[in-house]
Amino acid sequence: MPQYKKGDHVINATEKAYEVLYASRGYVQITEELEHIELYGLSYEELDALQNEALKKFLDQEEIEYKSRATKKELIALILGDEGVMNGTNGTEDTHSNESK
């Protein structure tokens, strides 16, 4: 479902609801190009509350590689700078890189 923003307020709404209710109130659709996620400085608990897609989007934005099947714990470890969780791979894992996009 698309997201729309007015100032710091973000809502989820269908396109129809946006057109009827929110466009005239100054909300604009958040696009991936305009949205910048900042996760540095958040605690483990705060990062754990986020969806994996948000964590992956941040890692892509920061051009940090991660395994395509990385767990949430592994994604958080990369963001917090604790790559020890990622050790143990033999280089044959599928790695996701923003460069392939």
PDB file of N, CA and C in Angstrom:
ATOM      1  N   MET A   1       0.847  -1.169   0.000  1.00  0.00           N
ATOM      2  CA  MET A   1       0.000   0.000   0.000  1.00  0.00           C
ATOM      3  C   MET A   1       0.897   1.237   0.000  1.00  0.00           C
ATOM      4  N   PRO A   2       0.582   2.182  -0.839  1.00  0.00           N
ATOM      5  CA  PRO A   2       1.403   3.397  -0.915  1.00  0.00           C
ATOM      6  C   PRO A   2       1.401   4.186   0.401  1.00  0.00           C
ATOM      7  N   GLN A   3       2.497   4.898   0.613  1.00  0.00           N
ATOM      8  CA  GLN A   3       2.610   5.758   1.783  1.00  0.00           C
ATOM      9  C   GLN A   3       2.622   7.205   1.326  1.00  0.00           C
ATOM     10  N   TYR A   4       2.044   8.050   2.171  1.00  0.00           N
ATOM     11  CA  TYR A   4       1.960   9.481   1.878  1.00  0.00           C
ATOM     12  C   TYR A   4       2.446  10.236   3.100  1.00  0.00           C
ATOM     13  N   LYS A   5       3.021  11.421   2.855  1.00  0.00           N
ATOM     14  CA  LYS A   5       3.650  12.171   3.928  1.00  0.00           C
ATOM     15  C   LYS A   5       3.256  13.638   3.871  1.00  0.00           C
ATOM     16  N   LYS A   6       3.047  14.205   5.056  1.00  0.00           N
ATOM     17  CA  LYS A   6       2.839  15.641   5.212  1.00  0.00           C
ATOM     18  C   LYS A   6       3.651  16.031   6.438  1.00  0.00           C
ATOM     19  N   GLY A   7       4.751  16.746   6.223  1.00  0.00           N
ATOM     20  CA  GLY A   7       5.648  17.044   7.335  1.00  0.00           C
ATOM     21  C   GLY A   7       6.250  15.752   7.848  1.00  0.00           C
ATOM     22  N   ASP A   8       6.123  15.508   9.144  1.00  0.00           N
ATOM     23  CA  ASP A   8       6.632  14.267   9.743  1.00  0.00           C
ATOM     24  C   ASP A   8       5.571  13.178   9.834  1.00  0.00           C
ATOM     25  N   HIS A   9       4.354  13.478   9.429  1.00  0.00           N
ATOM     26  CA  HIS A   9       3.252  12.526   9.542  1.00  0.00           C
ATOM     27  C   HIS A   9       3.178  11.656   8.288  1.00  0.00           C
ATOM     28  N   VAL A  10       3.242  10.337   8.473  1.00  0.00           N
ATOM     29  CA  VAL A  10       3.193   9.389   7.364  1.00  0.00           C
ATOM     30  C   VAL A  10       1.950   8.532   7.523  1.00  0.00           C
ATOM     31  N   ILE A  11       1.222   8.344   6.424  1.00  0.00           N
ATOM     32  CA  ILE A  11       0.035   7.493   6.428  1.00  0.00           C
ATOM     33  C   ILE A  11       0.130   6.462   5.313  1.00  0.00           C
ATOM     34  N   ASN A  12      -0.580   5.369   5.483  1.00  0.00           N
ATOM     35  CA  ASN A  12      -0.777   4.369   4.434  1.00  0.00           C
ATOM     36  C   ASN A  12      -2.202   4.545   3.930  1.00  0.00           C
ATOM     37  N   ALA A  13      -2.388   4.643   2.638  1.00  0.00           N
ATOM     38  CA  ALA A  13      -3.727   4.824   2.087  1.00  0.00           C
ATOM     39  C   ALA A  13      -3.768   4.281   0.663  1.00  0.00           C
ATOM     40  N   THR A  14      -4.944   3.863   0.266  1.00  0.00           N
ATOM     41  CA  THR A  14      -5.118   3.441  -1.119  1.00  0.00           C
ATOM     42  C   THR A  14      -5.027   4.684  -2.011  1.00  0.00           C
ATOM     43  N   GLU A  15      -4.803   4.470  -3.290  1.00  0.00           N
ATOM     44  CA  GLU A  15      -4.726   5.604  -4.208  1.00  0.00           C
ATOM     45  C   GLU A  15      -6.038   6.379  -4.228  1.00  0.00           C
ATOM     46  N   LYS A  16      -7.144   5.663  -4.163  1.00  0.00           N
ATOM     47  CA  LYS A  16      -8.467   6.303  -4.171  1.00  0.00           C
ATOM     48  C   LYS A  16      -8.640   7.177  -2.916  1.00  0.00           C
ATOM     49  N   ALA A  17      -8.278   6.640  -1.752  1.00  0.00           N
ATOM     50  CA  ALA A  17      -8.392   7.409  -0.507  1.00  0.00           C
ATOM     51  C   ALA A  17      -7.497   8.642  -0.565  1.00  0.00           C
ATOM     52  N   TYR A  18      -6.318   8.475  -1.140  1.00  0.00           N
ATOM     53  CA  TYR A  18      -5.411   9.613  -1.270  1.00  0.00           C
ATOM     54  C   TYR A  18      -6.054  10.709  -2.127  1.00  0.00           C
ATOM     55  N   GLU A  19      -6.575  10.302  -3.281  1.00  0.00           N
ATOM     56  CA  GLU A  19      -7.178  11.278  -4.200  1.00  0.00           C
ATOM     57  C   GLU A  19      -8.368  12.002  -3.562  1.00  0.00           C
ATOM     58  N   VAL A  20      -9.188  11.259  -2.837  1.00  0.00           N
ATOM     59  CA  VAL A  20     -10.412  11.823  -2.273  1.00  0.00           C
ATOM     60  C   VAL A  20     -10.150  12.616  -0.997  1.00  0.00           C
ATOM     61  N   LEU A  21      -9.288  12.093  -0.122  1.00  0.00           N
ATOM     62  CA  LEU A  21      -9.139  12.683   1.206  1.00  0.00           C
ATOM     63  C   LEU A  21      -7.845  13.453   1.460  1.00  0.00           C
ATOM     64  N   TYR A  22      -6.737  12.956   0.970  1.00  0.00           N
ATOM     65  CA  TYR A  22      -5.452  13.462   1.440  1.00  0.00           C
ATOM     66  C   TYR A  22      -4.721  14.410   0.487  1.00  0.00           C
ATOM     67  N   ALA A  23      -4.919  14.283  -0.807  1.00  0.00           N
ATOM     68  CA  ALA A  23      -4.203  15.138  -1.762  1.00  0.00           C
ATOM     69  C   ALA A  23      -4.488  16.615  -1.494  1.00  0.00           C
ATOM     70  N   SER A  24      -5.747  16.930  -1.245  1.00  0.00           N
ATOM     71  CA  SER A  24      -6.119  18.334  -1.011  1.00  0.00           C
ATOM     72  C   SER A  24      -5.627  18.854   0.336  1.00  0.00           C
ATOM     73  N   ARG A  25      -5.194  17.961   1.195  1.00  0.00           N
ATOM     74  CA  ARG A  25      -4.695  18.354   2.522  1.00  0.00           C
ATOM     75  C   ARG A  25      -3.179  18.484   2.556  1.00  0.00           C
ATOM     76  N   GLY A  26      -2.542  18.362   1.401  1.00  0.00           N
ATOM     77  CA  GLY A  26      -1.103  18.587   1.331  1.00  0.00           C
ATOM     78  C   GLY A  26      -0.218  17.368   1.466  1.00  0.00           C
ATOM     79  N   TYR A  27      -0.802  16.170   1.494  1.00  0.00           N
ATOM     80  CA  TYR A  27       0.011  14.953   1.561  1.00  0.00           C
ATOM     81  C   TYR A  27       0.606  14.670   0.187  1.00  0.00           C
ATOM     82  N   VAL A  28       1.818  14.152   0.175  1.00  0.00           N
ATOM     83  CA  VAL A  28       2.471  13.745  -1.075  1.00  0.00           C
ATOM     84  C   VAL A  28       2.927  12.305  -0.938  1.00  0.00           C
ATOM     85  N   GLN A  29       2.936  11.596  -2.054  1.00  0.00           N
ATOM     86  CA  GLN A  29       3.346  10.195  -2.029  1.00  0.00           C
ATOM     87  C   GLN A  29       4.850  10.102  -1.805  1.00  0.00           C
ATOM     88  N   ILE A  30       5.222   9.174  -0.963  1.00  0.00           N
ATOM     89  CA  ILE A  30       6.641   8.907  -0.714  1.00  0.00           C
ATOM     90  C   ILE A  30       7.107   7.967  -1.808  1.00  0.00           C
ATOM     91  N   THR A  31       8.134   8.368  -2.526  1.00  0.00           N
ATOM     92  CA  THR A  31       8.708   7.506  -3.545  1.00  0.00           C
ATOM     93  C   THR A  31      10.054   7.020  -3.047  1.00  0.00           C
ATOM     94  N   GLU A  32      10.486   5.901  -3.564  1.00  0.00           N
ATOM     95  CA  GLU A  32      11.753   5.336  -3.122  1.00  0.00           C
ATOM     96  C   GLU A  32      12.917   6.276  -3.381  1.00  0.00           C
ATOM     97  N   GLU A  33      12.846   7.048  -4.457  1.00  0.00           N
ATOM     98  CA  GLU A  33      13.939   7.951  -4.766  1.00  0.00           C
ATOM     99  C   GLU A  33      14.054   9.076  -3.732  1.00  0.00           C
ATOM    100  N   LEU A  34      12.923   9.507  -3.195  1.00  0.00           N
ATOM    101  CA  LEU A  34      12.929  10.617  -2.247  1.00  0.00           C
ATOM    102  C   LEU A  34      13.128  10.163  -0.811  1.00  0.00           C
ATOM    103  N   GLU A  35      12.757   8.946  -0.511  1.00  0.00           N
ATOM    104  CA  GLU A  35      12.810   8.459   0.860  1.00  0.00           C
ATOM    105  C   GLU A  35      14.225   8.022   1.217  1.00  0.00           C
ATOM    106  N   HIS A  36      14.745   8.579   2.289  1.00  0.00           N
ATOM    107  CA  HIS A  36      16.069   8.209   2.779  1.00  0.00           C
ATOM    108  C   HIS A  36      15.886   7.666   4.189  1.00  0.00           C
ATOM    109  N   ILE A  37      16.291   6.440   4.406  1.00  0.00           N
ATOM    110  CA  ILE A  37      16.151   5.816   5.713  1.00  0.00           C
ATOM    111  C   ILE A  37      17.437   6.029   6.491  1.00  0.00           C
ATOM    112  N   GLU A  38      17.331   6.478   7.724  1.00  0.00           N
ATOM    113  CA  GLU A  38      18.492   6.646   8.600  1.00  0.00           C
ATOM    114  C   GLU A  38      18.304   5.745   9.808  1.00  0.00           C
ATOM    115  N   LEU A  39      19.126   4.715   9.907  1.00  0.00           N
ATOM    116  CA  LEU A  39      19.005   3.763  11.002  1.00  0.00           C
ATOM    117  C   LEU A  39      20.200   3.778  11.941  1.00  0.00           C
ATOM    118  N   TYR A  40      21.282   4.446  11.556  1.00  0.00           N
ATOM    119  CA  TYR A  40      22.424   4.533  12.452  1.00  0.00           C
ATOM    120  C   TYR A  40      22.005   5.248  13.723  1.00  0.00           C
ATOM    121  N   GLY A  41      22.469   4.752  14.845  1.00  0.00           N
ATOM    122  CA  GLY A  41      22.134   5.369  16.118  1.00  0.00           C
ATOM    123  C   GLY A  41      20.957   4.717  16.820  1.00  0.00           C
ATOM    124  N   LEU A  42      20.218   3.853  16.104  1.00  0.00           N
ATOM    125  CA  LEU A  42      19.116   3.147  16.743  1.00  0.00           C
ATOM    126  C   LEU A  42      19.651   1.953  17.532  1.00  0.00           C
ATOM    127  N   SER A  43      18.949   1.580  18.579  1.00  0.00           N
ATOM    128  CA  SER A  43      19.349   0.435  19.393  1.00  0.00           C
ATOM    129  C   SER A  43      18.951  -0.868  18.712  1.00  0.00           C
ATOM    130  N   TYR A  44      19.469  -1.970  19.227  1.00  0.00           N
ATOM    131  CA  TYR A  44      19.104  -3.279  18.701  1.00  0.00           C
ATOM    132  C   TYR A  44      17.598  -3.469  18.773  1.00  0.00           C
ATOM    133  N   GLU A  45      16.998  -3.105  19.896  1.00  0.00           N
ATOM    134  CA  GLU A  45      15.559  -3.279  20.090  1.00  0.00           C
ATOM    135  C   GLU A  45      14.759  -2.456  19.078  1.00  0.00           C
ATOM    136  N   GLU A  46      15.201  -1.235  18.806  1.00  0.00           N
ATOM    137  CA  GLU A  46      14.509  -0.388  17.826  1.00  0.00           C
ATOM    138  C   GLU A  46      14.625  -0.966  16.422  1.00  0.00           C
ATOM    139  N   LEU A  47      15.803  -1.475  16.079  1.00  0.00           N
ATOM    140  CA  LEU A  47      15.995  -2.090  14.766  1.00  0.00           C
ATOM    141  C   LEU A  47      15.187  -3.383  14.652  1.00  0.00           C
ATOM    142  N   ASP A  48      15.103  -4.137  15.734  1.00  0.00           N
ATOM    143  CA  ASP A  48      14.375  -5.398  15.736  1.00  0.00           C
ATOM    144  C   ASP A  48      12.879  -5.182  15.514  1.00  0.00           C
ATOM    145  N   ALA A  49      12.388  -4.009  15.862  1.00  0.00           N
ATOM    146  CA  ALA A  49      10.968  -3.706  15.674  1.00  0.00           C
ATOM    147  C   ALA A  49      10.631  -3.398  14.215  1.00  0.00           C
ATOM    148  N   LEU A  50      11.639  -3.135  13.385  1.00  0.00           N
ATOM    149  CA  LEU A  50      11.427  -2.821  11.976  1.00  0.00           C
ATOM    150  C   LEU A  50      11.265  -4.095  11.162  1.00  0.00           C
ATOM    151  N   GLN A  51      10.646  -3.964  10.002  1.00  0.00           N
ATOM    152  CA  GLN A  51      10.523  -5.096   9.087  1.00  0.00           C
ATOM    153  C   GLN A  51      11.854  -5.318   8.370  1.00  0.00           C
ATOM    154  N   ASN A  52      12.097  -6.563   7.968  1.00  0.00           N
ATOM    155  CA  ASN A  52      13.334  -6.889   7.256  1.00  0.00           C
ATOM    156  C   ASN A  52      13.517  -6.035   6.007  1.00  0.00           C
ATOM    157  N   GLU A  53      12.429  -5.735   5.310  1.00  0.00           N
ATOM    158  CA  GLU A  53      12.531  -4.940   4.084  1.00  0.00           C
ATOM    159  C   GLU A  53      13.122  -3.559   4.366  1.00  0.00           C
ATOM    160  N   ALA A  54      12.773  -2.948   5.486  1.00  0.00           N
ATOM    161  CA  ALA A  54      13.329  -1.640   5.841  1.00  0.00           C
ATOM    162  C   ALA A  54      14.815  -1.765   6.131  1.00  0.00           C
ATOM    163  N   LEU A  55      15.207  -2.842   6.804  1.00  0.00           N
ATOM    164  CA  LEU A  55      16.624  -3.063   7.103  1.00  0.00           C
ATOM    165  C   LEU A  55      17.407  -3.276   5.799  1.00  0.00           C
ATOM    166  N   LYS A  56      16.847  -4.069   4.887  1.00  0.00           N
ATOM    167  CA  LYS A  56      17.513  -4.327   3.604  1.00  0.00           C
ATOM    168  C   LYS A  56      17.590  -3.059   2.758  1.00  0.00           C
ATOM    169  N   LYS A  57      16.546  -2.256   2.792  1.00  0.00           N
ATOM    170  CA  LYS A  57      16.561  -1.013   2.030  1.00  0.00           C
ATOM    171  C   LYS A  57      17.668  -0.094   2.536  1.00  0.00           C
ATOM    172  N   PHE A  58      17.822  -0.029   3.850  1.00  0.00           N
ATOM    173  CA  PHE A  58      18.885   0.792   4.429  1.00  0.00           C
ATOM    174  C   PHE A  58      20.254   0.263   4.016  1.00  0.00           C
ATOM    175  N   LEU A  59      20.447  -1.056   4.085  1.00  0.00           N
ATOM    176  CA  LEU A  59      21.733  -1.644   3.695  1.00  0.00           C
ATOM    177  C   LEU A  59      22.017  -1.399   2.222  1.00  0.00           C
ATOM    178  N   ASP A  60      21.009  -1.487   1.374  1.00  0.00           N
ATOM    179  CA  ASP A  60      21.177  -1.184  -0.051  1.00  0.00           C
ATOM    180  C   ASP A  60      21.583   0.273  -0.236  1.00  0.00           C
ATOM    181  N   GLN A  61      20.913   1.153   0.464  1.00  0.00           N
ATOM    182  CA  GLN A  61      21.182   2.588   0.378  1.00  0.00           C
ATOM    183  C   GLN A  61      22.616   2.904   0.806  1.00  0.00           C
ATOM    184  N   GLU A  62      23.115   2.181   1.813  1.00  0.00           N
ATOM    185  CA  GLU A  62      24.473   2.391   2.314  1.00  0.00           C
ATOM    186  C   GLU A  62      25.503   1.551   1.552  1.00  0.00           C
ATOM    187  N   GLU A  63      25.027   0.787   0.559  1.00  0.00           N
ATOM    188  CA  GLU A  63      25.871  -0.084  -0.259  1.00  0.00           C
ATOM    189  C   GLU A  63      26.633  -1.101   0.587  1.00  0.00           C
ATOM    190  N   ILE A  64      25.920  -1.681   1.561  1.00  0.00           N
ATOM    191  CA  ILE A  64      26.473  -2.719   2.424  1.00  0.00           C
ATOM    192  C   ILE A  64      25.919  -4.048   1.932  1.00  0.00           C
ATOM    193  N   GLU A  65      26.801  -4.984   1.603  1.00  0.00           N
ATOM    194  CA  GLU A  65      26.377  -6.282   1.097  1.00  0.00           C
ATOM    195  C   GLU A  65      25.878  -7.163   2.236  1.00  0.00           C
ATOM    196  N   TYR A  66      24.907  -8.012   1.909  1.00  0.00           N
ATOM    197  CA  TYR A  66      24.364  -8.969   2.864  1.00  0.00           C
ATOM    198  C   TYR A  66      23.918 -10.206   2.105  1.00  0.00           C
ATOM    199  N   LYS A  67      23.842 -11.331   2.836  1.00  0.00           N
ATOM    200  CA  LYS A  67      23.377 -12.570   2.221  1.00  0.00           C
ATOM    201  C   LYS A  67      21.908 -12.429   1.861  1.00  0.00           C
ATOM    202  N   SER A  68      21.524 -12.978   0.740  1.00  0.00           N
ATOM    203  CA  SER A  68      20.129 -12.866   0.310  1.00  0.00           C
ATOM    204  C   SER A  68      19.177 -13.543   1.301  1.00  0.00           C
ATOM    205  N   ARG A  69      19.664 -14.502   2.032  1.00  0.00           N
ATOM    206  CA  ARG A  69      18.836 -15.187   3.033  1.00  0.00           C
ATOM    207  C   ARG A  69      19.233 -14.803   4.454  1.00  0.00           C
ATOM    208  N   ALA A  70      19.800 -13.626   4.624  1.00  0.00           N
ATOM    209  CA  ALA A  70      20.235 -13.179   5.949  1.00  0.00           C
ATOM    210  C   ALA A  70      19.037 -13.060   6.884  1.00  0.00           C
ATOM    211  N   THR A  71      19.256 -13.441   8.128  1.00  0.00           N
ATOM    212  CA  THR A  71      18.213 -13.311   9.138  1.00  0.00           C
ATOM    213  C   THR A  71      18.158 -11.860   9.623  1.00  0.00           C
ATOM    214  N   LYS A  72      17.097 -11.536  10.333  1.00  0.00           N
ATOM    215  CA  LYS A  72      16.971 -10.188  10.884  1.00  0.00           C
ATOM    216  C   LYS A  72      18.160  -9.896  11.807  1.00  0.00           C
ATOM    217  N   LYS A  73      18.559 -10.883  12.608  1.00  0.00           N
ATOM    218  CA  LYS A  73      19.696 -10.716  13.525  1.00  0.00           C
ATOM    219  C   LYS A  73      20.963 -10.368  12.743  1.00  0.00           C
ATOM    220  N   GLU A  74      21.181 -11.020  11.614  1.00  0.00           N
ATOM    221  CA  GLU A  74      22.360 -10.749  10.789  1.00  0.00           C
ATOM    222  C   GLU A  74      22.295  -9.363  10.152  1.00  0.00           C
ATOM    223  N   LEU A  75      21.115  -8.969   9.686  1.00  0.00           N
ATOM    224  CA  LEU A  75      20.956  -7.636   9.097  1.00  0.00           C
ATOM    225  C   LEU A  75      21.231  -6.555  10.135  1.00  0.00           C
ATOM    226  N   ILE A  76      20.701  -6.747  11.340  1.00  0.00           N
ATOM    227  CA  ILE A  76      20.914  -5.780  12.418  1.00  0.00           C
ATOM    228  C   ILE A  76      22.384  -5.713  12.787  1.00  0.00           C
ATOM    229  N   ALA A  77      23.048  -6.861  12.813  1.00  0.00           N
ATOM    230  CA  ALA A  77      24.477  -6.894  13.138  1.00  0.00           C
ATOM    231  C   ALA A  77      25.282  -6.060  12.141  1.00  0.00           C
ATOM    232  N   LEU A  78      24.917  -6.122  10.863  1.00  0.00           N
ATOM    233  CA  LEU A  78      25.612  -5.321   9.853  1.00  0.00           C
ATOM    234  C   LEU A  78      25.395  -3.827  10.094  1.00  0.00           C
ATOM    235  N   ILE A  79      24.192  -3.454  10.462  1.00  0.00           N
ATOM    236  CA  ILE A  79      23.884  -2.040  10.708  1.00  0.00           C
ATOM    237  C   ILE A  79      24.614  -1.538  11.944  1.00  0.00           C
ATOM    238  N   LEU A  80      24.663  -2.383  12.986  1.00  0.00           N
ATOM    239  CA  LEU A  80      25.323  -1.985  14.227  1.00  0.00           C
ATOM    240  C   LEU A  80      26.839  -2.109  14.144  1.00  0.00           C
ATOM    241  N   GLY A  81      27.324  -2.708  13.055  1.00  0.00           N
ATOM    242  CA  GLY A  81      28.770  -2.832  12.867  1.00  0.00           C
ATOM    243  C   GLY A  81      29.360  -4.072  13.497  1.00  0.00           C
ATOM    244  N   ASP A  82      28.540  -5.025  13.889  1.00  0.00           N
ATOM    245  CA  ASP A  82      29.013  -6.267  14.485  1.00  0.00           C
ATOM    246  C   ASP A  82      28.916  -7.364  13.442  1.00  0.00           C
ATOM    247  N   GLU A  83      29.924  -7.445  12.575  1.00  0.00           N
ATOM    248  CA  GLU A  83      29.880  -8.413  11.482  1.00  0.00           C
ATOM    249  C   GLU A  83      30.245  -9.819  11.927  1.00  0.00           C
ATOM    250  N   GLY A  84      30.574 -10.005  13.204  1.00  0.00           N
ATOM    251  CA  GLY A  84      30.909 -11.328  13.703  1.00  0.00           C
ATOM    252  C   GLY A  84      29.796 -12.330  13.487  1.00  0.00           C
ATOM    253  N   VAL A  85      28.562 -11.866  13.491  1.00  0.00           N
ATOM    254  CA  VAL A  85      27.417 -12.742  13.270  1.00  0.00           C
ATOM    255  C   VAL A  85      27.455 -13.285  11.856  1.00  0.00           C
ATOM    256  N   MET A  86      28.012 -12.530  10.928  1.00  0.00           N
ATOM    257  CA  MET A  86      28.036 -12.929   9.526  1.00  0.00           C
ATOM    258  C   MET A  86      29.169 -13.902   9.219  1.00  0.00           C
ATOM    259  N   ASN A  87      30.143 -14.053  10.113  1.00  0.00           N
ATOM    260  CA  ASN A  87      31.261 -14.961   9.861  1.00  0.00           C
ATOM    261  C   ASN A  87      30.761 -16.392   9.728  1.00  0.00           C
ATOM    262  N   GLY A  88      31.557 -17.207   9.124  1.00  0.00           N
ATOM    263  CA  GLY A  88      31.186 -18.596   8.963  1.00  0.00           C
ATOM    264  C   GLY A  88      30.696 -18.918   7.568  1.00  0.00           C
ATOM    265  N   THR A  89      30.556 -17.918   6.729  1.00  0.00           N
ATOM    266  CA  THR A  89      30.183 -18.197   5.353  1.00  0.00           C
ATOM    267  C   THR A  89      31.440 -18.524   4.577  1.00  0.00           C
ATOM    268  N   ASN A  90      31.316 -19.374   3.622  1.00  0.00           N
ATOM    269  CA  ASN A  90      32.488 -19.800   2.861  1.00  0.00           C
ATOM    270  C   ASN A  90      32.599 -19.098   1.517  1.00  0.00           C
ATOM    271  N   GLY A  91      31.804 -18.043   1.346  1.00  0.00           N
ATOM    272  CA  GLY A  91      31.880 -17.315   0.092  1.00  0.00           C
ATOM    273  C   GLY A  91      30.973 -17.868  -0.986  1.00  0.00           C
ATOM    274  N   THR A  92      30.280 -18.967  -0.684  1.00  0.00           N
ATOM    275  CA  THR A  92      29.389 -19.545  -1.686  1.00  0.00           C
ATOM    276  C   THR A  92      27.950 -19.106  -1.490  1.00  0.00           C
ATOM    277  N   GLU A  93      27.695 -18.329  -0.445  1.00  0.00           N
ATOM    278  CA  GLU A  93      26.337 -17.841  -0.190  1.00  0.00           C
ATOM    279  C   GLU A  93      25.953 -16.817  -1.255  1.00  0.00           C
ATOM    280  N   ASP A  94      24.664 -16.730  -1.523  1.00  0.00           N
ATOM    281  CA  ASP A  94      24.169 -15.672  -2.396  1.00  0.00           C
ATOM    282  C   ASP A  94      24.298 -14.361  -1.665  1.00  0.00           C
ATOM    283  N   THR A  95      24.999 -13.428  -2.232  1.00  0.00           N
ATOM    284  CA  THR A  95      25.178 -12.137  -1.595  1.00  0.00           C
ATOM    285  C   THR A  95      24.426 -11.098  -2.393  1.00  0.00           C
ATOM    286  N   HIS A  96      23.703 -10.231  -1.676  1.00  0.00           N
ATOM    287  CA  HIS A  96      22.957  -9.178  -2.330  1.00  0.00           C
ATOM    288  C   HIS A  96      23.793  -7.918  -2.317  1.00  0.00           C
ATOM    289  N   SER A  97      23.925  -7.309  -3.453  1.00  0.00           N
ATOM    290  CA  SER A  97      24.675  -6.067  -3.569  1.00  0.00           C
ATOM    291  C   SER A  97      23.834  -5.060  -4.323  1.00  0.00           C
ATOM    292  N   ASN A  98      23.863  -3.842  -3.879  1.00  0.00           N
ATOM    293  CA  ASN A  98      23.124  -2.766  -4.510  1.00  0.00           C
ATOM    294  C   ASN A  98      23.635  -2.499  -5.929  1.00  0.00           C
ATOM    295  N   GLU A  99      24.875  -2.878  -6.200  1.00  0.00           N
ATOM    296  CA  GLU A  99      25.475  -2.627  -7.510  1.00  0.00           C
ATOM    297  C   GLU A  99      24.780  -3.388  -8.620  1.00  0.00           C
ATOM    298  N   SER A 100      24.094  -4.474  -8.293  1.00  0.00           N
ATOM    299  CA  SER A 100      23.444  -5.264  -9.337  1.00  0.00           C
ATOM    300  C   SER A 100      22.127  -4.651  -9.774  1.00  0.00           C
ATOM    301  N   LYS A 101      21.694  -3.583  -9.095  1.00  0.00           N
ATOM    302  CA  LYS A 101      20.416  -2.947  -9.444  1.00  0.00           C
ATOM    303  C   LYS A 101      20.573  -1.970 -10.566  1.00  0.00           C
TER     304      LYS A 101
END
